[in-house]
PDB file of N, CA and C in Angstrom:
ATOM      1  N   MET A   1       1.041  -0.972  -0.076  1.00  0.00           N
ATOM      2  CA  MET A   1      -0.120  -0.093  -0.280  1.00  0.00           C
ATOM      3  C   MET A   1       1.193   1.178   0.008  1.00  0.00           C
ATOM      4  N   ALA A   2       0.506   1.832  -0.958  1.00  0.00           N
ATOM      5  CA  ALA A   2       1.694   3.376  -1.198  1.00  0.00           C
ATOM      6  C   ALA A   2       0.991   4.169  -0.004  1.00  0.00           C
ATOM      7  N   THR A   3       1.707   5.159   0.424  1.00  0.00           N
ATOM      8  CA  THR A   3       1.615   6.001   1.000  1.00  0.00           C
ATOM      9  C   THR A   3       1.477   7.710   0.413  1.00  0.00           C
ATOM     10  N   ARG A   4       0.987   8.715   1.059  1.00  0.00           N
ATOM     11  CA  ARG A   4       0.910   9.638  -0.128  1.00  0.00           C
ATOM     12  C   ARG A   4       1.955  10.943   0.679  1.00  0.00           C
ATOM     13  N   TYR A   5       3.094  10.387   1.557  1.00  0.00           N
ATOM     14  CA  TYR A   5       3.684  10.983   2.345  1.00  0.00           C
ATOM     15  C   TYR A   5       4.680  10.411   1.926  1.00  0.00           C
ATOM     16  N   THR A   6       5.807  11.016   1.408  1.00  0.00           N
ATOM     17  CA  THR A   6       7.008  10.777   0.761  1.00  0.00           C
ATOM     18  C   THR A   6       8.294  10.710   1.516  1.00  0.00           C
ATOM     19  N   ALA A   7       8.306  12.093   2.535  1.00  0.00           N
ATOM     20  CA  ALA A   7       9.349  12.769   3.154  1.00  0.00           C
ATOM     21  C   ALA A   7       9.594  11.719   3.698  1.00  0.00           C
ATOM     22  N   GLU A   8      10.927  11.638   4.390  1.00  0.00           N
ATOM     23  CA  GLU A   8      11.548  11.663   5.223  1.00  0.00           C
ATOM     24  C   GLU A   8      11.127  11.286   6.822  1.00  0.00           C
ATOM     25  N   GLN A   9      10.988  10.506   7.643  1.00  0.00           N
ATOM     26  CA  GLN A   9      10.012   9.916   8.874  1.00  0.00           C
ATOM     27  C   GLN A   9      11.033   9.904  10.086  1.00  0.00           C
ATOM     28  N   ILE A  10      10.621  10.599  10.984  1.00  0.00           N
ATOM     29  CA  ILE A  10      11.362  10.019  12.388  1.00  0.00           C
ATOM     30  C   ILE A  10      10.574   9.465  13.216  1.00  0.00           C
ATOM     31  N   ALA A  11      10.812   8.981  14.167  1.00  0.00           N
ATOM     32  CA  ALA A  11      10.219   8.164  15.558  1.00  0.00           C
ATOM     33  C   ALA A  11      10.373   9.479  16.885  1.00  0.00           C
ATOM     34  N   PHE A  12       8.876   9.739  17.147  1.00  0.00           N
ATOM     35  CA  PHE A  12       8.306  11.145  17.395  1.00  0.00           C
ATOM     36  C   PHE A  12       7.733   9.844  19.121  1.00  0.00           C
ATOM     37  N   ARG A  13       8.668  10.670  20.201  1.00  0.00           N
ATOM     38  CA  ARG A  13       7.990   9.548  21.320  1.00  0.00           C
ATOM     39  C   ARG A  13       7.635  11.398  22.347  1.00  0.00           C
ATOM     40  N   TYR A  14       6.198  10.871  22.961  1.00  0.00           N
ATOM     41  CA  TYR A  14       5.514  11.756  23.608  1.00  0.00           C
ATOM     42  C   TYR A  14       6.617  11.343  24.904  1.00  0.00           C
ATOM     43  N   ARG A  15       6.382  12.639  25.852  1.00  0.00           N
ATOM     44  CA  ARG A  15       7.420  12.336  27.307  1.00  0.00           C
ATOM     45  C   ARG A  15       6.085  11.852  27.958  1.00  0.00           C
ATOM     46  N   VAL A  16       6.804  11.754  29.155  1.00  0.00           N
ATOM     47  CA  VAL A  16       6.008  10.974  30.660  1.00  0.00           C
ATOM     48  C   VAL A  16       5.189  11.787  31.367  1.00  0.00           C
ATOM     49  N   THR A  17       5.673  12.761  31.462  1.00  0.00           N
ATOM     50  CA  THR A  17       5.616  14.186  31.863  1.00  0.00           C
ATOM     51  C   THR A  17       5.418  15.551  31.378  1.00  0.00           C
ATOM     52  N   ASP A  18       4.801  16.509  31.000  1.00  0.00           N
ATOM     53  CA  ASP A  18       5.027  17.875  30.652  1.00  0.00           C
ATOM     54  C   ASP A  18       6.569  18.994  30.999  1.00  0.00           C
ATOM     55  N   SER A  19       6.776  19.177  30.092  1.00  0.00           N
ATOM     56  CA  SER A  19       8.686  20.490  30.301  1.00  0.00           C
ATOM     57  C   SER A  19       8.424  20.815  29.821  1.00  0.00           C
ATOM     58  N   ALA A  20       9.599  21.343  30.038  1.00  0.00           N
ATOM     59  CA  ALA A  20      10.181  22.420  28.612  1.00  0.00           C
ATOM     60  C   ALA A  20      10.336  21.507  27.164  1.00  0.00           C
ATOM     61  N   HIS A  21      11.115  20.578  27.234  1.00  0.00           N
ATOM     62  CA  HIS A  21      12.028  19.385  26.346  1.00  0.00           C
ATOM     63  C   HIS A  21      10.508  18.811  25.862  1.00  0.00           C
ATOM     64  N   GLY A  22       9.771  18.925  26.374  1.00  0.00           N
ATOM     65  CA  GLY A  22       8.580  17.653  25.502  1.00  0.00           C
ATOM     66  C   GLY A  22       7.349  17.998  26.125  1.00  0.00           C
ATOM     67  N   VAL A  23       5.915  16.944  26.088  1.00  0.00           N
ATOM     68  CA  VAL A  23       4.555  16.942  26.169  1.00  0.00           C
ATOM     69  C   VAL A  23       4.551  15.277  26.171  1.00  0.00           C
ATOM     70  N   THR A  24       3.320  15.638  27.198  1.00  0.00           N
ATOM     71  CA  THR A  24       2.865  14.149  27.320  1.00  0.00           C
ATOM     72  C   THR A  24       1.509  14.101  26.247  1.00  0.00           C
ATOM     73  N   ARG A  25       1.419  13.030  25.617  1.00  0.00           N
ATOM     74  CA  ARG A  25       0.719  12.310  24.430  1.00  0.00           C
ATOM     75  C   ARG A  25      -0.850  13.487  24.653  1.00  0.00           C
ATOM     76  N   ASP A  26      -1.132  13.065  26.607  1.00  0.00           N
ATOM     77  CA  ASP A  26      -2.603  14.366  26.454  1.00  0.00           C
ATOM     78  C   ASP A  26      -2.121  15.575  26.408  1.00  0.00           C
ATOM     79  N   THR A  27      -1.158  16.297  26.580  1.00  0.00           N
ATOM     80  CA  THR A  27      -1.218  17.611  26.291  1.00  0.00           C
ATOM     81  C   THR A  27      -1.126  17.599  24.262  1.00  0.00           C
ATOM     82  N   ALA A  28      -0.545  17.190  23.413  1.00  0.00           N
ATOM     83  CA  ALA A  28      -0.865  17.389  22.647  1.00  0.00           C
ATOM     84  C   ALA A  28      -2.059  16.429  22.278  1.00  0.00           C
ATOM     85  N   LYS A  29      -2.937  16.110  22.837  1.00  0.00           N
ATOM     86  CA  LYS A  29      -4.551  15.511  21.900  1.00  0.00           C
ATOM     87  C   LYS A  29      -5.084  17.139  22.785  1.00  0.00           C
ATOM     88  N   ARG A  30      -4.671  17.802  23.843  1.00  0.00           N
ATOM     89  CA  ARG A  30      -5.643  18.734  24.403  1.00  0.00           C
ATOM     90  C   ARG A  30      -5.200  20.001  23.325  1.00  0.00           C
ATOM     91  N   ILE A  31      -3.922  20.309  23.560  1.00  0.00           N
ATOM     92  CA  ILE A  31      -3.875  21.143  21.980  1.00  0.00           C
ATOM     93  C   ILE A  31      -4.155  21.003  20.609  1.00  0.00           C
ATOM     94  N   ALA A  32      -4.223  19.836  20.089  1.00  0.00           N
ATOM     95  CA  ALA A  32      -4.509  19.911  18.613  1.00  0.00           C
ATOM     96  C   ALA A  32      -6.625  19.381  18.863  1.00  0.00           C
ATOM     97  N   GLU A  33      -7.044  19.720  19.719  1.00  0.00           N
ATOM     98  CA  GLU A  33      -8.866  19.549  20.158  1.00  0.00           C
ATOM     99  C   GLU A  33      -8.970  20.875  19.871  1.00  0.00           C
ATOM    100  N   ARG A  34      -8.207  21.560  20.883  1.00  0.00           N
ATOM    101  CA  ARG A  34      -8.121  23.370  21.070  1.00  0.00           C
ATOM    102  C   ARG A  34      -8.258  23.933  19.675  1.00  0.00           C
ATOM    103  N   LEU A  35      -6.889  23.800  19.235  1.00  0.00           N
ATOM    104  CA  LEU A  35      -6.939  24.285  17.621  1.00  0.00           C
ATOM    105  C   LEU A  35      -7.945  23.804  16.755  1.00  0.00           C
ATOM    106  N   GLY A  36      -8.618  22.846  16.660  1.00  0.00           N
ATOM    107  CA  GLY A  36      -9.123  22.098  15.976  1.00  0.00           C
ATOM    108  C   GLY A  36      -8.851  21.759  14.744  1.00  0.00           C
ATOM    109  N   ILE A  37      -7.698  20.654  14.869  1.00  0.00           N
ATOM    110  CA  ILE A  37      -6.396  19.890  14.112  1.00  0.00           C
ATOM    111  C   ILE A  37      -6.605  18.606  14.693  1.00  0.00           C
ATOM    112  N   ASP A  38      -5.680  17.713  14.025  1.00  0.00           N
ATOM    113  CA  ASP A  38      -4.962  16.733  14.737  1.00  0.00           C
ATOM    114  C   ASP A  38      -3.438  16.765  15.241  1.00  0.00           C
ATOM    115  N   GLU A  39      -3.320  15.545  16.068  1.00  0.00           N
ATOM    116  CA  GLU A  39      -2.169  15.988  16.868  1.00  0.00           C
ATOM    117  C   GLU A  39      -1.091  16.443  15.593  1.00  0.00           C
ATOM    118  N   THR A  40      -0.651  15.353  14.514  1.00  0.00           N
ATOM    119  CA  THR A  40       0.308  15.798  13.296  1.00  0.00           C
ATOM    120  C   THR A  40       0.402  17.183  13.490  1.00  0.00           C
ATOM    121  N   GLN A  41      -0.722  17.671  12.925  1.00  0.00           N
ATOM    122  CA  GLN A  41      -0.594  19.012  12.854  1.00  0.00           C
ATOM    123  C   GLN A  41      -0.551  19.728  13.661  1.00  0.00           C
ATOM    124  N   ALA A  42      -0.935  19.925  14.935  1.00  0.00           N
ATOM    125  CA  ALA A  42      -0.070  20.448  15.865  1.00  0.00           C
ATOM    126  C   ALA A  42       1.113  20.673  16.462  1.00  0.00           C
ATOM    127  N   ILE A  43       1.871  19.363  15.903  1.00  0.00           N
ATOM    128  CA  ILE A  43       3.133  19.313  16.108  1.00  0.00           C
ATOM    129  C   ILE A  43       4.253  20.148  15.178  1.00  0.00           C
ATOM    130  N   HIS A  44       3.530  19.872  14.166  1.00  0.00           N
ATOM    131  CA  HIS A  44       3.994  20.574  12.727  1.00  0.00           C
ATOM    132  C   HIS A  44       3.994  22.357  12.812  1.00  0.00           C
ATOM    133  N   ARG A  45       3.113  22.543  13.650  1.00  0.00           N
ATOM    134  CA  ARG A  45       2.642  23.758  14.013  1.00  0.00           C
ATOM    135  C   ARG A  45       3.325  24.413  14.915  1.00  0.00           C
ATOM    136  N   ALA A  46       3.864  23.674  15.941  1.00  0.00           N
ATOM    137  CA  ALA A  46       4.481  24.034  17.204  1.00  0.00           C
ATOM    138  C   ALA A  46       5.998  24.025  16.159  1.00  0.00           C
ATOM    139  N   LEU A  47       6.241  23.272  15.612  1.00  0.00           N
ATOM    140  CA  LEU A  47       7.337  23.358  15.245  1.00  0.00           C
ATOM    141  C   LEU A  47       8.146  24.215  14.325  1.00  0.00           C
ATOM    142  N   HIS A  48       6.895  24.773  13.386  1.00  0.00           N
ATOM    143  CA  HIS A  48       6.842  25.980  12.844  1.00  0.00           C
ATOM    144  C   HIS A  48       7.570  27.082  13.772  1.00  0.00           C
ATOM    145  N   GLU A  49       6.674  27.451  14.258  1.00  0.00           N
ATOM    146  CA  GLU A  49       5.827  28.229  15.162  1.00  0.00           C
ATOM    147  C   GLU A  49       8.255  28.848  15.660  1.00  0.00           C
ATOM    148  N   LEU A  50       8.182  27.535  16.214  1.00  0.00           N
ATOM    149  CA  LEU A  50       9.768  27.801  17.082  1.00  0.00           C
ATOM    150  C   LEU A  50      11.040  28.151  16.047  1.00  0.00           C
ATOM    151  N   ALA A  51      10.418  26.944  14.781  1.00  0.00           N
ATOM    152  CA  ALA A  51      11.605  27.719  13.454  1.00  0.00           C
ATOM    153  C   ALA A  51      11.588  28.996  12.918  1.00  0.00           C
ATOM    154  N   VAL A  52      10.233  29.982  12.849  1.00  0.00           N
ATOM    155  CA  VAL A  52       9.950  31.262  13.034  1.00  0.00           C
ATOM    156  C   VAL A  52      11.063  32.086  14.408  1.00  0.00           C
ATOM    157  N   ARG A  53      11.395  31.806  15.559  1.00  0.00           N
ATOM    158  CA  ARG A  53      11.120  32.812  15.994  1.00  0.00           C
ATOM    159  C   ARG A  53      12.892  32.494  16.295  1.00  0.00           C
ATOM    160  N   VAL A  54      13.868  31.314  16.190  1.00  0.00           N
ATOM    161  CA  VAL A  54      15.067  31.171  16.333  1.00  0.00           C
ATOM    162  C   VAL A  54      15.838  30.835  15.119  1.00  0.00           C
ATOM    163  N   LEU A  55      15.286  30.385  13.913  1.00  0.00           N
ATOM    164  CA  LEU A  55      16.026  30.572  12.875  1.00  0.00           C
ATOM    165  C   LEU A  55      15.553  31.679  12.624  1.00  0.00           C
ATOM    166  N   PRO A  56      17.009  32.287  11.325  1.00  0.00           N
ATOM    167  CA  PRO A  56      16.914  33.262  10.481  1.00  0.00           C
ATOM    168  C   PRO A  56      16.094  33.594   9.304  1.00  0.00           C
ATOM    169  N   GLN A  57      15.114  34.251   9.036  1.00  0.00           N
ATOM    170  CA  GLN A  57      13.979  34.546   8.152  1.00  0.00           C
ATOM    171  C   GLN A  57      14.327  34.908   7.100  1.00  0.00           C
ATOM    172  N   TYR A  58      15.891  35.270   6.651  1.00  0.00           N
ATOM    173  CA  TYR A  58      16.202  35.658   5.015  1.00  0.00           C
ATOM    174  C   TYR A  58      17.639  35.208   5.307  1.00  0.00           C
ATOM    175  N   GLU A  59      17.898  35.298   4.277  1.00  0.00           N
ATOM    176  CA  GLU A  59      19.421  35.313   3.316  1.00  0.00           C
ATOM    177  C   GLU A  59      20.543  35.927   3.930  1.00  0.00           C
ATOM    178  N   PRO A  60      21.586  35.432   4.395  1.00  0.00           N
ATOM    179  CA  PRO A  60      22.663  36.692   5.074  1.00  0.00           C
ATOM    180  C   PRO A  60      23.093  37.591   3.653  1.00  0.00           C
ATOM    181  N   ASP A  61      23.365  39.033   3.932  1.00  0.00           N
ATOM    182  CA  ASP A  61      23.045  39.942   2.823  1.00  0.00           C
ATOM    183  C   ASP A  61      25.154  39.830   2.478  1.00  0.00           C
ATOM    184  N   ASP A  62      25.301  40.574   1.333  1.00  0.00           N
ATOM    185  CA  ASP A  62      26.405  40.713   1.141  1.00  0.00           C
ATOM    186  C   ASP A  62      27.710  41.030   2.170  1.00  0.00           C
ATOM    187  N   GLY A  63      27.199  41.887   3.120  1.00  0.00           N
ATOM    188  CA  GLY A  63      27.840  42.715   4.231  1.00  0.00           C
ATOM    189  C   GLY A  63      27.398  44.279   3.707  1.00  0.00           C
ATOM    190  N   PRO A  64      28.616  45.016   4.640  1.00  0.00           N
ATOM    191  CA  PRO A  64      27.890  46.865   4.164  1.00  0.00           C
ATOM    192  C   PRO A  64      28.111  47.224   2.883  1.00  0.00           C
ATOM    193  N   LEU A  65      27.123  48.366   2.525  1.00  0.00           N
ATOM    194  CA  LEU A  65      26.993  48.768   1.612  1.00  0.00           C
ATOM    195  C   LEU A  65      28.389  49.675   0.948  1.00  0.00           C
ATOM    196  N   THR A  66      28.646  49.481  -0.513  1.00  0.00           N
ATOM    197  CA  THR A  66      29.530  49.984  -0.586  1.00  0.00           C
ATOM    198  C   THR A  66      29.260  52.137  -0.808  1.00  0.00           C
ATOM    199  N   ALA A  67      30.495  52.593  -1.256  1.00  0.00           N
ATOM    200  CA  ALA A  67      29.922  54.003  -0.965  1.00  0.00           C
ATOM    201  C   ALA A  67      29.624  54.178  -2.159  1.00  0.00           C
ATOM    202  N   ALA A  68      29.563  53.600  -3.274  1.00  0.00           N
ATOM    203  CA  ALA A  68      28.645  53.833  -4.948  1.00  0.00           C
ATOM    204  C   ALA A  68      27.146  53.667  -4.454  1.00  0.00           C
ATOM    205  N   GLN A  69      26.660  52.506  -3.295  1.00  0.00           N
ATOM    206  CA  GLN A  69      25.734  52.287  -3.058  1.00  0.00           C
ATOM    207  C   GLN A  69      24.704  52.942  -2.430  1.00  0.00           C
ATOM    208  N   LEU A  70      25.766  53.759  -1.115  1.00  0.00           N
ATOM    209  CA  LEU A  70      25.017  54.734  -0.698  1.00  0.00           C
ATOM    210  C   LEU A  70      24.886  55.772  -1.766  1.00  0.00           C
ATOM    211  N   ARG A  71      25.342  56.445  -2.552  1.00  0.00           N
ATOM    212  CA  ARG A  71      25.221  57.556  -2.936  1.00  0.00           C
ATOM    213  C   ARG A  71      24.104  56.994  -4.106  1.00  0.00           C
ATOM    214  N   GLN A  72      24.107  55.617  -4.410  1.00  0.00           N
ATOM    215  CA  GLN A  72      22.836  55.898  -4.985  1.00  0.00           C
ATOM    216  C   GLN A  72      21.337  56.283  -4.296  1.00  0.00           C
ATOM    217  N   ILE A  73      21.414  55.555  -2.960  1.00  0.00           N
ATOM    218  CA  ILE A  73      20.234  55.437  -1.912  1.00  0.00           C
ATOM    219  C   ILE A  73      19.945  56.967  -2.057  1.00  0.00           C
ATOM    220  N   LYS A  74      21.280  58.019  -1.687  1.00  0.00           N
ATOM    221  CA  LYS A  74      20.906  59.342  -1.033  1.00  0.00           C
ATOM    222  C   LYS A  74      20.073  59.791  -2.158  1.00  0.00           C
ATOM    223  N   LYS A  75      20.222  59.543  -3.697  1.00  0.00           N
ATOM    224  CA  LYS A  75      20.151  60.100  -5.126  1.00  0.00           C
ATOM    225  C   LYS A  75      19.001  60.066  -5.406  1.00  0.00           C
ATOM    226  N   LEU A  76      18.341  58.642  -4.653  1.00  0.00           N
ATOM    227  CA  LEU A  76      17.379  58.293  -4.607  1.00  0.00           C
ATOM    228  C   LEU A  76      15.955  58.420  -3.348  1.00  0.00           C
ATOM    229  N   ALA A  77      16.572  59.160  -2.751  1.00  0.00           N
ATOM    230  CA  ALA A  77      16.112  59.262  -1.114  1.00  0.00           C
ATOM    231  C   ALA A  77      15.267  61.100  -1.793  1.00  0.00           C
ATOM    232  N   PRO A  78      13.596  60.612  -1.011  1.00  0.00           N
ATOM    233  CA  PRO A  78      12.919  61.805  -1.344  1.00  0.00           C
ATOM    234  C   PRO A  78      13.568  63.011  -0.850  1.00  0.00           C
ATOM    235  N   GLN A  79      13.582  63.922  -1.343  1.00  0.00           N
ATOM    236  CA  GLN A  79      14.449  65.548  -0.825  1.00  0.00           C
ATOM    237  C   GLN A  79      13.541  66.272  -0.193  1.00  0.00           C
ATOM    238  N   GLY A  80      13.498  66.150   0.873  1.00  0.00           N
ATOM    239  CA  GLY A  80      12.087  67.127   1.787  1.00  0.00           C
ATOM    240  C   GLY A  80      13.054  68.537   2.015  1.00  0.00           C
ATOM    241  N   ARG A  81      12.469  69.265   3.150  1.00  0.00           N
ATOM    242  CA  ARG A  81      12.725  70.511   3.530  1.00  0.00           C
ATOM    243  C   ARG A  81      13.754  70.375   4.434  1.00  0.00           C
ATOM    244  N   MET A  82      14.330  69.432   5.167  1.00  0.00           N
ATOM    245  CA  MET A  82      15.220  68.528   6.124  1.00  0.00           C
ATOM    246  C   MET A  82      16.352  68.204   5.522  1.00  0.00           C
ATOM    247  N   ARG A  83      17.303  68.802   5.090  1.00  0.00           N
ATOM    248  CA  ARG A  83      18.571  68.549   3.698  1.00  0.00           C
ATOM    249  C   ARG A  83      19.287  68.013   4.869  1.00  0.00           C
ATOM    250  N   SER A  84      19.851  68.652   6.111  1.00  0.00           N
ATOM    251  CA  SER A  84      20.707  68.098   7.146  1.00  0.00           C
ATOM    252  C   SER A  84      21.257  67.406   7.682  1.00  0.00           C
ATOM    253  N   VAL A  85      19.854  66.544   7.660  1.00  0.00           N
ATOM    254  CA  VAL A  85      19.171  65.206   8.547  1.00  0.00           C
ATOM    255  C   VAL A  85      20.125  64.089   8.554  1.00  0.00           C
ATOM    256  N   ARG A  86      20.799  63.838   9.643  1.00  0.00           N
ATOM    257  CA  ARG A  86      21.754  62.988   9.957  1.00  0.00           C
ATOM    258  C   ARG A  86      21.251  61.710  10.153  1.00  0.00           C
ATOM    259  N   SER A  87      21.892  60.479   9.369  1.00  0.00           N
ATOM    260  CA  SER A  87      21.421  59.165   9.367  1.00  0.00           C
ATOM    261  C   SER A  87      22.280  57.842  10.404  1.00  0.00           C
ATOM    262  N   SER A  88      21.794  57.632  11.290  1.00  0.00           N
ATOM    263  CA  SER A  88      22.927  56.727  11.751  1.00  0.00           C
ATOM    264  C   SER A  88      22.406  55.446  11.655  1.00  0.00           C
ATOM    265  N   LEU A  89      21.588  54.942  10.231  1.00  0.00           N
ATOM    266  CA  LEU A  89      21.465  53.942  10.114  1.00  0.00           C
ATOM    267  C   LEU A  89      22.702  53.291   9.099  1.00  0.00           C
ATOM    268  N   PHE A  90      22.576  54.401   8.031  1.00  0.00           N
ATOM    269  CA  PHE A  90      24.351  53.833   7.271  1.00  0.00           C
ATOM    270  C   PHE A  90      25.297  54.806   7.768  1.00  0.00           C
ATOM    271  N   ASP A  91      26.365  54.111   7.637  1.00  0.00           N
ATOM    272  CA  ASP A  91      28.120  54.663   8.298  1.00  0.00           C
ATOM    273  C   ASP A  91      28.867  55.627   6.760  1.00  0.00           C
ATOM    274  N   SER A  92      28.947  56.565   7.444  1.00  0.00           N
ATOM    275  CA  SER A  92      29.084  57.392   5.539  1.00  0.00           C
ATOM    276  C   SER A  92      30.761  56.688   5.610  1.00  0.00           C
ATOM    277  N   GLU A  93      31.005  55.988   6.366  1.00  0.00           N
ATOM    278  CA  GLU A  93      32.491  55.816   6.094  1.00  0.00           C
ATOM    279  C   GLU A  93      32.488  54.646   6.068  1.00  0.00           C
ATOM    280  N   PRO A  94      33.197  54.024   4.636  1.00  0.00           N
ATOM    281  CA  PRO A  94      33.454  52.631   4.149  1.00  0.00           C
ATOM    282  C   PRO A  94      33.784  51.705   5.223  1.00  0.00           C
ATOM    283  N   ALA A  95      33.261  50.423   5.462  1.00  0.00           N
ATOM    284  CA  ALA A  95      33.854  49.548   6.630  1.00  0.00           C
ATOM    285  C   ALA A  95      35.479  49.649   6.335  1.00  0.00           C
ATOM    286  N   LYS A  96      36.043  49.089   7.387  1.00  0.00           N
ATOM    287  CA  LYS A  96      37.507  48.569   6.912  1.00  0.00           C
ATOM    288  C   LYS A  96      38.042  47.821   7.273  1.00  0.00           C
ATOM    289  N   LYS A  97      38.582  46.808   6.730  1.00  0.00           N
ATOM    290  CA  LYS A  97      38.417  46.024   7.007  1.00  0.00           C
ATOM    291  C   LYS A  97      40.370  45.068   7.435  1.00  0.00           C
TER     292      LYS A  97
END
């Protein structure tokens, strides 16, 4: 009998007691029931929320902006009445290596 899931699978064991490192099957069932989903979906949802909290959500950039990039940003930035506002967002000196 073929299954519809082809991703790798791991063994998942519930804990005997709830702690910061795991939950009991009863707790997982209660969470799933409260959310209106099954236990597997509850586990995936919990892992997704943890991933969003602890993993970077964007690719690392190429480092500091070059002087040419800064000039281009300043050229394209809207020009208002206050032209002497100093930005702390970008260093005006190129990074030293």
